[in-house]
């Protein structure tokens, strides 16, 4: 998870001091100047006294000996006083996290200590993951990251490192393999991966600082946190989508006793809770506290879905679209682009069309363009809303069946803004490729896929840029969701190119 609960013991980890570069004092001062703004911000955040008047807080390029010693002494004192969760909170809630040079200098500062406490180790553990998250390119952000990928990103901090797996780090690899099969937040809460990762780190002693070991911990921590975030946001999106459906249905109060509130909670209050949900990683935490936070999230989803279940029987049996279901025109997001206007115009005709009879022959593949595919997906999702408890929804395009995640469904039925538009385009491109694959298999003509593949490749390039923009904007939810949807599109492309 990037770090674990602070170990309050004062035991010391001994390992060789890295060789000092020439002109070590000036080099050290350069690092001090890079990290000084972070320590200043920490002092303000923790309401500590800062022993430098305002006029001395802009450090000169070359210090006199007195200033050098004063700054060094204060930084050392701050290292002793600041806990890892306090450092984490600062870097995850401010733009200081976006400074690659400062993060690198802060990591080096802790790595260069000749004697390191467990607190120093936990800070290194956290800071390395922060650096990786900041510097990892968008093209690997959504893939199954390997040690080679981590080594490339971390080269500026750790130098050239052998990316072979160390034998004693094998438990981390086993947990990463298990992460790939997890499909829900409840599944990951049944593991004790936070505790197991902490135990591997504890038993490592000084071996923790082996560069190859640091790569292994960065990879494990990042993938574990990414999995938590992916699954957490899937639940949050389901909750917000459910609240929108309840609001549309005229519901104003719901029973939230599973979540720990009353049997009559205003819907507006629950929406506020969902919209302001915070990741449980910005305070000192343990596996128990993280699990408790996520259990609360799952309880909130249970309450929302319970309220949806109560209103479900009120809908007319067999109705394709309920009276309270927003029209496709209303769902289409406002935009200045002509393409979006065309989408809204095309989608507004969905409700007027008769439903396609079961077993009817699909339209010829050649007639399937981007807008038509978009319209077909929209029609199916609106006519048959996802049922309670399902994290995946299936739509059919031609002979292909396309699985959509909850956030992708939300982008169609209630999403707005750029992120929703990006997700819709990713889904449509994937659907076109998969439909083209099935058509090519039926006809034996792979050339029929050319149009769909051309569109998909353009979308992949654009989506990877959008993931990068979302990362830079610190919009984790958009970056993770777009990353997963982009990965699925790439998988479809890979399958098509093998035909």
Protein backbone atom coordinates (compact mmCIF):
# COMPACT_ATOMS: atom_id res chain seq x y z
CA UNK A 1 0.00 0.00 0.00
CA UNK A 2 3.01 2.28 -0.22
CA UNK A 3 3.71 2.14 3.51
CA UNK A 4 2.40 0.44 6.61
CA UNK A 5 1.52 1.54 10.10
CA UNK A 6 4.45 3.22 11.83
CA UNK A 7 6.42 0.82 14.00
CA UNK A 8 6.93 2.63 17.28
CA UNK A 9 10.07 0.70 18.18
CA UNK A 10 13.40 2.47 18.04
CA UNK A 11 15.44 -0.42 16.70
CA UNK A 12 17.95 0.56 14.07
CA UNK A 13 18.60 -0.97 10.64
CA UNK A 14 22.30 -0.89 9.75
CA UNK A 15 23.47 -0.95 6.17
CA UNK A 16 26.45 0.49 4.29
CA UNK A 17 26.38 4.20 3.62
CA UNK A 18 26.25 4.97 -0.12
CA UNK A 19 29.48 6.49 -1.47
CA UNK A 20 29.49 10.28 -1.24
CA UNK A 21 29.99 12.26 -4.45
CA UNK A 22 32.76 14.79 -4.93
CA UNK A 23 32.10 18.14 -3.28
CA UNK A 24 29.70 16.32 -0.98
CA UNK A 25 28.72 19.43 1.01
CA UNK A 26 27.54 21.29 -2.09
CA UNK A 27 25.76 18.19 -3.36
CA UNK A 28 24.12 17.78 0.06
CA UNK A 29 23.08 21.43 0.02
CA UNK A 30 21.50 20.93 -3.40
CA UNK A 31 19.34 18.14 -1.95
CA UNK A 32 18.57 20.24 1.13
CA UNK A 33 17.28 23.06 -1.07
CA UNK A 34 15.11 20.60 -3.01
CA UNK A 35 13.46 19.11 0.09
CA UNK A 36 13.28 22.33 2.12
CA UNK A 37 9.82 23.36 0.75
CA UNK A 38 8.43 19.94 1.75
CA UNK A 39 9.73 20.26 5.30
CA UNK A 40 8.45 23.83 5.51
CA UNK A 41 4.99 22.63 4.46
CA UNK A 42 5.17 19.80 7.01
CA UNK A 43 6.02 22.30 9.73
CA UNK A 44 3.01 24.44 8.84
CA UNK A 45 0.71 21.42 8.54
CA UNK A 46 1.71 20.16 11.99
CA UNK A 47 1.76 23.68 13.46
CA UNK A 48 5.42 23.38 14.44
CA UNK A 49 7.68 26.31 15.07
CA UNK A 50 9.84 27.03 12.02
CA UNK A 51 13.22 28.49 13.14
CA UNK A 52 13.78 30.49 9.96
CA UNK A 53 12.41 34.01 9.49
CA UNK A 54 10.58 34.74 6.25
CA UNK A 55 13.60 36.42 4.65
CA UNK A 56 15.76 33.29 5.19
CA UNK A 57 13.31 30.76 3.73
CA UNK A 58 14.52 31.22 0.16
CA UNK A 59 17.78 29.31 0.47
CA UNK A 60 20.76 30.62 -1.55
CA UNK A 61 22.64 28.45 -4.04
CA UNK A 62 25.79 28.59 -1.92
CA UNK A 63 25.39 28.76 1.87
CA UNK A 64 27.82 29.86 4.50
CA UNK A 65 28.76 27.16 7.02
CA UNK A 66 26.44 28.52 9.71
CA UNK A 67 23.35 28.39 7.49
CA UNK A 68 24.30 24.93 6.21
CA UNK A 69 24.54 23.58 9.76
CA UNK A 70 21.27 25.27 10.81
CA UNK A 71 19.32 23.79 7.90
CA UNK A 72 20.85 20.34 8.36
CA UNK A 73 20.05 20.34 12.08
CA UNK A 74 16.44 21.40 11.46
CA UNK A 75 15.90 18.78 8.72
CA UNK A 76 17.30 16.09 11.03
CA UNK A 77 14.98 17.25 13.81
CA UNK A 78 11.99 17.13 11.44
CA UNK A 79 12.92 13.60 10.36
CA UNK A 80 12.69 12.55 14.00
CA UNK A 81 9.36 14.30 14.64
CA UNK A 82 7.38 13.59 11.46
CA UNK A 83 5.57 10.26 11.19
CA UNK A 84 5.12 8.51 7.86
CA UNK A 85 1.33 9.04 7.79
CA UNK A 86 1.90 12.80 8.25
CA UNK A 87 4.31 12.84 5.32
CA UNK A 88 1.85 10.79 3.28
CA UNK A 89 -1.03 13.16 4.02
CA UNK A 90 1.01 16.17 2.90
CA UNK A 91 2.21 14.64 -0.36
CA UNK A 92 -1.14 13.15 -1.31
CA UNK A 93 -3.12 16.33 -0.71
CA UNK A 94 -0.81 19.03 -2.12
CA UNK A 95 1.00 19.82 -5.36
CA UNK A 96 4.33 19.09 -3.64
CA UNK A 97 3.76 15.50 -4.77
CA UNK A 98 4.17 16.63 -8.39
CA UNK A 99 7.83 17.67 -8.03
CA UNK A 100 9.97 14.81 -9.31
CA UNK A 101 13.27 16.45 -8.26
CA UNK A 102 12.11 17.08 -4.69
CA UNK A 103 10.79 13.52 -4.29
CA UNK A 104 14.05 12.10 -5.62
CA UNK A 105 16.06 14.27 -3.20
CA UNK A 106 13.84 13.25 -0.28
CA UNK A 107 14.34 9.56 -1.09
CA UNK A 108 18.10 10.02 -1.35
CA UNK A 109 18.15 11.86 1.97
CA UNK A 110 16.67 8.84 3.74
CA UNK A 111 18.64 6.24 1.78
CA UNK A 112 21.94 7.97 2.62
CA UNK A 113 21.48 7.70 6.37
CA UNK A 114 24.03 5.32 7.84
CA UNK A 115 21.60 4.17 10.55
CA UNK A 116 17.94 3.90 9.71
CA UNK A 117 15.02 3.37 12.05
CA UNK A 118 11.86 1.52 11.09
CA UNK A 119 10.24 4.93 10.60
CA UNK A 120 12.93 5.83 8.03
CA UNK A 121 12.33 2.51 6.30
CA UNK A 122 8.57 3.10 6.11
CA UNK A 123 9.16 6.57 4.69
CA UNK A 124 11.45 5.16 2.00
CA UNK A 125 8.84 2.49 1.25
CA UNK A 126 6.13 5.13 0.81
CA UNK A 127 8.24 7.70 -1.07
CA UNK A 128 9.42 5.19 -3.66
CA UNK A 129 5.83 4.33 -4.54
CA UNK A 130 4.93 8.03 -4.73
CA UNK A 131 7.80 8.59 -7.14
CA UNK A 132 6.77 5.64 -9.28
CA UNK A 133 3.14 6.82 -9.40
CA UNK A 134 4.31 10.29 -10.45
CA UNK A 135 6.80 9.23 -13.11
CA UNK A 136 5.27 6.07 -14.59
CA UNK A 137 4.18 6.78 -18.20
CA UNK A 138 0.51 6.41 -19.09
CA UNK A 139 1.21 3.48 -21.40
CA UNK A 140 2.14 1.22 -18.44
CA UNK A 141 -0.27 2.74 -15.92
CA UNK A 142 -3.06 0.32 -16.82
CA UNK A 143 -1.01 -2.81 -17.60
CA UNK A 144 0.14 -5.68 -15.40
CA UNK A 145 3.35 -3.99 -14.30
CA UNK A 146 6.50 -6.12 -14.23
CA UNK A 147 9.80 -5.60 -12.39
CA UNK A 148 11.39 -4.45 -15.66
CA UNK A 149 8.83 -1.62 -15.91
CA UNK A 150 9.55 -0.54 -12.34
CA UNK A 151 13.31 -0.62 -12.94
CA UNK A 152 12.95 1.70 -15.93
CA UNK A 153 10.85 4.25 -14.03
CA UNK A 154 13.02 4.15 -10.90
CA UNK A 155 16.38 4.43 -12.71
CA UNK A 156 16.79 8.11 -11.76
CA UNK A 157 16.46 7.20 -8.07
CA UNK A 158 18.05 3.75 -7.81
CA UNK A 159 20.31 3.64 -10.87
CA UNK A 160 20.57 0.52 -13.06
CA UNK A 161 19.15 -2.39 -11.07
CA UNK A 162 18.94 -6.08 -11.89
CA UNK A 163 15.21 -6.76 -12.20
CA UNK A 164 15.46 -10.46 -11.32
CA UNK A 165 13.21 -11.61 -8.48
CA UNK A 166 15.00 -12.18 -5.17
CA UNK A 167 14.14 -15.50 -3.57
CA UNK A 168 13.08 -13.97 -0.25
CA UNK A 169 10.73 -11.58 -2.10
CA UNK A 170 8.79 -14.48 -3.60
CA UNK A 171 5.85 -14.02 -1.14
CA UNK A 172 5.27 -10.59 -2.74
CA UNK A 173 5.12 -12.20 -6.19
CA UNK A 174 2.61 -14.78 -4.97
CA UNK A 175 0.34 -12.06 -3.60
CA UNK A 176 0.59 -10.09 -6.86
CA UNK A 177 -0.47 -13.19 -8.78
CA UNK A 178 -3.48 -13.55 -6.46
CA UNK A 179 -4.41 -9.87 -6.99
CA UNK A 180 -5.05 -10.57 -10.68
CA UNK A 181 -7.97 -12.86 -9.85
CA UNK A 182 -9.76 -10.53 -7.41
CA UNK A 183 -13.00 -9.09 -8.75
CA UNK A 184 -14.57 -7.30 -5.77
CA UNK A 185 -13.63 -5.24 -2.75
CA UNK A 186 -15.08 -7.93 -0.50
CA UNK A 187 -12.71 -10.50 -2.01
CA UNK A 188 -9.63 -8.42 -1.30
CA UNK A 189 -10.83 -7.74 2.25
CA UNK A 190 -10.78 -11.50 2.87
CA UNK A 191 -7.02 -11.48 2.28
CA UNK A 192 -4.45 -10.15 4.73
CA UNK A 193 -2.10 -8.76 2.11
CA UNK A 194 -1.33 -5.55 4.00
CA UNK A 195 -0.17 -7.55 7.00
CA UNK A 196 1.71 -10.10 4.87
CA UNK A 197 3.53 -7.34 3.01
CA UNK A 198 4.45 -5.71 6.32
CA UNK A 199 5.81 -9.03 7.63
CA UNK A 200 8.02 -9.51 4.56
CA UNK A 201 9.36 -5.99 5.10
CA UNK A 202 9.90 -6.57 8.84
CA UNK A 203 11.80 -9.82 8.37
CA UNK A 204 14.01 -8.33 5.65
CA UNK A 205 16.03 -6.20 8.05
CA UNK A 206 18.85 -4.44 6.21
CA UNK A 207 18.16 -6.51 3.07
CA UNK A 208 15.14 -4.27 2.51
CA UNK A 209 17.53 -1.67 1.05
CA UNK A 210 18.88 -4.02 -1.62
CA UNK A 211 17.95 -2.14 -4.84
CA UNK A 212 16.37 -5.29 -6.31
CA UNK A 213 14.28 -5.65 -3.14
CA UNK A 214 13.19 -2.01 -3.36
CA UNK A 215 11.92 -2.67 -6.90
CA UNK A 216 9.91 -5.64 -5.63
CA UNK A 217 8.33 -3.61 -2.84
CA UNK A 218 7.51 -0.70 -5.16
CA UNK A 219 5.75 -3.08 -7.56
CA UNK A 220 3.85 -4.88 -4.81
CA UNK A 221 2.80 -1.70 -3.03
CA UNK A 222 1.66 0.03 -6.21
CA UNK A 223 -0.32 -2.94 -7.54
CA UNK A 224 -1.95 -3.56 -4.16
CA UNK A 225 -2.99 0.06 -3.81
CA UNK A 226 -4.15 0.20 -7.45
CA UNK A 227 -6.34 -2.87 -6.89
CA UNK A 228 -7.88 -1.34 -3.76
CA UNK A 229 -8.58 1.91 -5.64
CA UNK A 230 -10.04 0.16 -8.69
CA UNK A 231 -12.41 -1.93 -6.59
CA UNK A 232 -13.27 0.92 -4.24
CA UNK A 233 -14.18 3.23 -7.10
CA UNK A 234 -16.28 0.55 -8.75
CA UNK A 235 -18.35 0.43 -5.54
CA UNK A 236 -18.51 4.22 -5.30
CA UNK A 237 -19.68 4.50 -8.89
CA UNK A 238 -22.35 1.86 -8.25
CA UNK A 239 -23.49 3.77 -5.15
CA UNK A 240 -23.67 7.10 -6.98
CA UNK A 241 -25.48 5.52 -9.91
CA UNK A 242 -27.98 3.94 -7.50
CA UNK A 243 -28.55 7.27 -5.77
CA UNK A 244 -29.24 8.89 -9.15
CA UNK A 245 -31.81 6.20 -9.94
CA UNK A 246 -33.48 6.69 -6.56
CA UNK A 247 -33.53 10.44 -7.05
CA UNK A 248 -35.07 10.03 -10.51
CA UNK A 249 -37.70 7.72 -9.02
CA UNK A 250 -38.68 10.42 -6.52
CA UNK A 251 -37.17 8.73 -3.45
CA UNK A 252 -36.02 11.23 -0.84
CA UNK A 253 -35.31 9.06 2.25
CA UNK A 254 -33.65 5.63 2.54
CA UNK A 255 -32.79 3.14 5.28
CA UNK A 256 -29.04 3.31 6.07
CA UNK A 257 -28.83 1.11 9.14
CA UNK A 258 -26.19 -1.20 7.60
CA UNK A 259 -23.98 1.87 7.22
CA UNK A 260 -24.60 2.84 10.83
CA UNK A 261 -27.13 5.64 10.34
CA UNK A 262 -30.88 5.77 10.88
CA UNK A 263 -33.71 4.06 9.01
CA UNK A 264 -34.73 7.42 7.53
CA UNK A 265 -31.74 9.23 6.06
CA UNK A 266 -32.17 12.03 3.49
CA UNK A 267 -30.93 10.99 0.07
CA UNK A 268 -29.06 14.30 -0.24
CA UNK A 269 -27.04 13.46 2.89
CA UNK A 270 -26.09 10.01 1.57
CA UNK A 271 -25.05 11.50 -1.77
CA UNK A 272 -22.82 13.92 0.12
CA UNK A 273 -21.26 11.00 2.01
CA UNK A 274 -20.58 9.15 -1.27
CA UNK A 275 -19.23 12.23 -3.07
CA UNK A 276 -16.86 13.07 -0.22
CA UNK A 277 -15.65 9.52 0.43
CA UNK A 278 -11.96 9.59 1.26
CA UNK A 279 -9.38 6.90 0.72
CA UNK A 280 -8.32 5.45 4.09
CA UNK A 281 -4.64 6.11 3.40
CA UNK A 282 -4.23 9.69 4.59
CA UNK A 283 -3.86 8.89 8.25
CA UNK A 284 -1.94 6.39 10.34
CA UNK A 285 -3.56 3.11 9.43
CA UNK A 286 -3.43 -0.61 10.05
CA UNK A 287 -4.93 -3.50 8.13
CA UNK A 288 -7.83 -3.45 10.57
CA UNK A 289 -8.59 0.25 10.07
CA UNK A 290 -8.43 -0.09 6.27
CA UNK A 291 -10.75 -3.10 6.36
CA UNK A 292 -13.19 -1.27 8.62
CA UNK A 293 -13.30 1.69 6.22
CA UNK A 294 -13.98 -0.50 3.21
CA UNK A 295 -16.56 -2.55 5.12
CA UNK A 296 -18.40 0.73 5.72
CA UNK A 297 -18.34 1.41 1.98
CA UNK A 298 -19.78 -2.03 1.25
CA UNK A 299 -22.46 -1.45 3.90
CA UNK A 300 -23.41 1.82 2.20
CA UNK A 301 -23.75 0.02 -1.13
CA UNK A 302 -25.95 -2.61 0.54
CA UNK A 303 -28.25 0.12 1.84
CA UNK A 304 -28.49 1.87 -1.53
CA UNK A 305 -29.15 -1.38 -3.39
CA UNK A 306 -31.73 -2.34 -0.77
CA UNK A 307 -33.56 0.91 -1.47
CA UNK A 308 -33.42 0.21 -5.22
CA UNK A 309 -34.86 -3.24 -4.63
CA UNK A 310 -37.84 -1.74 -2.82
CA UNK A 311 -38.81 0.47 -5.76
CA UNK A 312 -38.14 -2.16 -8.46
CA UNK A 313 -41.62 -3.81 -8.22
CA UNK A 314 -43.24 -0.43 -8.87
CA UNK A 315 -42.02 -0.46 -12.47
CA UNK A 316 -44.57 -1.86 -15.00
CA UNK A 317 -43.75 -5.47 -15.85
CA UNK A 318 -42.11 -5.78 -19.25
CA UNK A 319 -41.72 -2.04 -19.72
CA UNK A 320 -38.76 -1.26 -21.93
CA UNK A 321 -38.19 2.21 -20.47
CA UNK A 322 -39.90 3.46 -17.31
CA UNK A 323 -41.54 6.87 -17.23
CA UNK A 324 -38.85 8.10 -14.86
CA UNK A 325 -35.92 6.86 -16.92
CA UNK A 326 -34.12 9.86 -18.44
CA UNK A 327 -34.41 10.07 -22.21
CA UNK A 328 -31.28 9.39 -24.25
CA UNK A 329 -31.28 13.06 -25.31
CA UNK A 330 -31.19 14.11 -21.67
CA UNK A 331 -28.42 11.62 -20.93
CA UNK A 332 -26.13 12.78 -23.73
CA UNK A 333 -23.65 15.25 -22.19
CA UNK A 334 -23.62 18.86 -23.26
CA UNK A 335 -20.65 19.67 -25.42
CA UNK A 336 -19.49 22.24 -27.93
CA UNK A 337 -18.30 19.58 -30.35
CA UNK A 338 -20.32 18.78 -33.43
CA UNK A 339 -19.74 15.07 -32.85
CA UNK A 340 -21.42 15.22 -29.45
CA UNK A 341 -24.34 17.15 -30.89
CA UNK A 342 -24.73 14.46 -33.53
CA UNK A 343 -24.61 11.81 -30.82
CA UNK A 344 -27.41 13.51 -28.90
CA UNK A 345 -29.47 13.89 -32.09
CA UNK A 346 -28.98 10.26 -33.06
CA UNK A 347 -29.57 8.96 -29.53
CA UNK A 348 -32.83 10.90 -29.18
CA UNK A 349 -34.41 8.48 -31.66
CA UNK A 350 -33.68 5.39 -29.54
CA UNK A 351 -36.96 5.41 -27.59
CA UNK A 352 -38.95 5.77 -30.81
CA UNK A 353 -37.56 2.56 -32.28
CA UNK A 354 -39.33 -0.76 -31.76
CA UNK A 355 -37.32 -3.34 -29.85
CA UNK A 356 -35.45 -5.84 -32.00
CA UNK A 357 -37.17 -9.20 -31.74
CA UNK A 358 -35.23 -11.94 -30.02
CA UNK A 359 -33.52 -14.04 -32.64
CA UNK A 360 -33.82 -11.39 -35.34
CA UNK A 361 -30.90 -11.33 -37.74
CA UNK A 362 -28.44 -8.57 -36.88
CA UNK A 363 -27.87 -5.74 -39.32
CA UNK A 364 -25.07 -6.26 -41.83
CA UNK A 365 -21.68 -5.53 -40.30
CA UNK A 366 -20.86 -3.01 -43.02
CA UNK A 367 -23.63 -0.73 -41.72
CA UNK A 368 -22.12 -0.54 -38.24
CA UNK A 369 -20.36 2.79 -37.74
CA UNK A 370 -19.32 4.58 -34.56
CA UNK A 371 -22.61 6.44 -34.03
CA UNK A 372 -24.74 3.39 -34.78
CA UNK A 373 -22.74 1.28 -32.35
CA UNK A 374 -23.05 4.00 -29.68
CA UNK A 375 -26.80 4.13 -30.23
CA UNK A 376 -27.19 0.34 -29.95
CA UNK A 377 -25.29 0.22 -26.65
CA UNK A 378 -27.27 3.14 -25.24
CA UNK A 379 -30.56 1.52 -26.25
CA UNK A 380 -29.76 -1.77 -24.52
CA UNK A 381 -28.54 -0.17 -21.29
CA UNK A 382 -31.54 2.12 -20.98
CA UNK A 383 -34.06 -0.60 -21.84
CA UNK A 384 -32.58 -3.09 -19.36
CA UNK A 385 -30.86 -1.32 -16.42
CA UNK A 386 -28.22 -3.39 -14.56
CA UNK A 387 -29.69 -5.55 -11.79
CA UNK A 388 -28.76 -5.41 -8.13
CA UNK A 389 -25.43 -6.90 -7.14
CA UNK A 390 -24.01 -7.15 -10.67
CA UNK A 391 -20.65 -5.52 -11.28
CA UNK A 392 -20.63 -6.47 -14.99
CA UNK A 393 -23.30 -5.92 -17.65
CA UNK A 394 -23.49 -7.50 -21.09
CA UNK A 395 -24.55 -5.80 -24.33
CA UNK A 396 -24.75 -7.45 -27.74
CA UNK A 397 -23.42 -5.90 -30.94
CA UNK A 398 -23.84 -8.12 -33.96
CA UNK A 399 -22.71 -11.58 -32.91
CA UNK A 400 -20.41 -10.21 -30.19
CA UNK A 401 -21.21 -10.00 -26.49
CA UNK A 402 -19.41 -7.16 -24.71
CA UNK A 403 -18.96 -7.06 -20.95
CA UNK A 404 -19.17 -3.59 -19.41
CA UNK A 405 -17.97 -2.69 -15.93
CA UNK A 406 -20.17 -0.63 -13.61
CA UNK A 407 -18.30 2.62 -14.31
CA UNK A 408 -18.66 2.06 -18.07
CA UNK A 409 -22.41 1.55 -17.68
CA UNK A 410 -22.61 4.69 -15.55
CA UNK A 411 -20.82 6.67 -18.28
CA UNK A 412 -23.71 5.78 -20.61
CA UNK A 413 -26.77 5.99 -18.38
CA UNK A 414 -25.94 8.85 -16.05
CA UNK A 415 -22.41 10.08 -16.73
CA UNK A 416 -21.49 13.57 -17.79
CA UNK A 417 -18.28 15.42 -18.52
CA UNK A 418 -15.08 14.55 -20.35
CA UNK A 419 -14.31 11.36 -18.40
CA UNK A 420 -17.71 9.85 -19.20
CA UNK A 421 -17.30 10.74 -22.88
CA UNK A 422 -13.86 9.10 -22.92
CA UNK A 423 -15.26 5.92 -21.36
CA UNK A 424 -18.13 5.79 -23.87
CA UNK A 425 -15.70 6.10 -26.78
CA UNK A 426 -13.49 3.35 -25.31
CA UNK A 427 -16.49 1.01 -25.00
CA UNK A 428 -17.79 1.77 -28.50
CA UNK A 429 -14.36 1.19 -30.06
CA UNK A 430 -14.06 -2.11 -28.19
CA UNK A 431 -17.54 -3.16 -29.24
CA UNK A 432 -16.79 -2.37 -32.89
CA UNK A 433 -13.60 -4.44 -32.81
CA UNK A 434 -15.28 -7.41 -31.11
CA UNK A 435 -18.23 -7.29 -33.54
CA UNK A 436 -15.77 -7.12 -36.44
CA UNK A 437 -13.90 -10.15 -35.07
CA UNK A 438 -17.09 -12.22 -34.93
CA UNK A 439 -18.10 -11.09 -38.43
CA UNK A 440 -14.64 -11.99 -39.79
CA UNK A 441 -14.87 -15.45 -38.20
CA UNK A 442 -18.31 -16.00 -39.77
CA UNK A 443 -17.32 -14.83 -43.26
CA UNK A 444 -13.66 -15.79 -43.30
CA UNK A 445 -12.85 -12.26 -44.48
CA UNK A 446 -10.42 -10.52 -42.04
CA UNK A 447 -10.38 -7.44 -44.30
CA UNK A 448 -13.82 -6.60 -42.94
CA UNK A 449 -12.11 -5.58 -39.69
CA UNK A 450 -10.02 -2.78 -41.20
CA UNK A 451 -12.43 0.07 -40.45
CA UNK A 452 -13.00 -1.00 -36.83
CA UNK A 453 -9.27 -1.49 -36.22
CA UNK A 454 -8.45 1.92 -37.67
CA UNK A 455 -10.95 3.61 -35.36
CA UNK A 456 -9.76 1.60 -32.35
CA UNK A 457 -6.08 2.50 -32.87
CA UNK A 458 -6.94 6.18 -33.00
CA UNK A 459 -8.99 5.83 -29.81
CA UNK A 460 -6.18 3.98 -28.00
CA UNK A 461 -3.75 6.80 -28.72
CA UNK A 462 -6.25 9.41 -27.57
CA UNK A 463 -7.24 7.44 -24.46
CA UNK A 464 -3.63 6.98 -23.35
CA UNK A 465 -3.22 10.75 -23.52
CA UNK A 466 -6.42 11.16 -21.46
CA UNK A 467 -5.08 8.75 -18.81
CA UNK A 468 -1.89 10.80 -18.60
CA UNK A 469 -3.88 14.05 -18.25
CA UNK A 470 -6.04 12.51 -15.51
CA UNK A 471 -2.91 11.38 -13.65
CA UNK A 472 -1.35 14.85 -13.86
CA UNK A 473 -4.59 16.34 -12.55
CA UNK A 474 -4.46 13.84 -9.63
CA UNK A 475 -7.88 12.50 -10.72
CA UNK A 476 -7.21 8.93 -9.59
CA UNK A 477 -10.74 7.72 -10.27
CA UNK A 478 -10.69 8.86 -13.91
CA UNK A 479 -7.13 7.62 -14.48
CA UNK A 480 -7.81 4.14 -13.08
CA UNK A 481 -11.15 3.67 -14.85
CA UNK A 482 -9.88 4.99 -18.18
CA UNK A 483 -6.76 2.85 -17.80
CA UNK A 484 -8.77 -0.35 -17.35
CA UNK A 485 -11.11 0.45 -20.26
CA UNK A 486 -8.10 1.27 -22.46
CA UNK A 487 -6.47 -2.03 -21.51
CA UNK A 488 -9.62 -3.89 -22.55
CA UNK A 489 -9.61 -2.12 -25.90
CA UNK A 490 -5.95 -3.06 -26.39
CA UNK A 491 -6.79 -6.70 -25.58
CA UNK A 492 -9.52 -6.68 -28.23
CA UNK A 493 -7.08 -5.17 -30.73
CA UNK A 494 -4.50 -7.86 -29.95
CA UNK A 495 -7.09 -10.57 -30.55
CA UNK A 496 -8.15 -9.00 -33.85
CA UNK A 497 -4.59 -8.69 -35.12
CA UNK A 498 -4.01 -12.42 -34.58
CA UNK A 499 -6.72 -13.33 -37.11
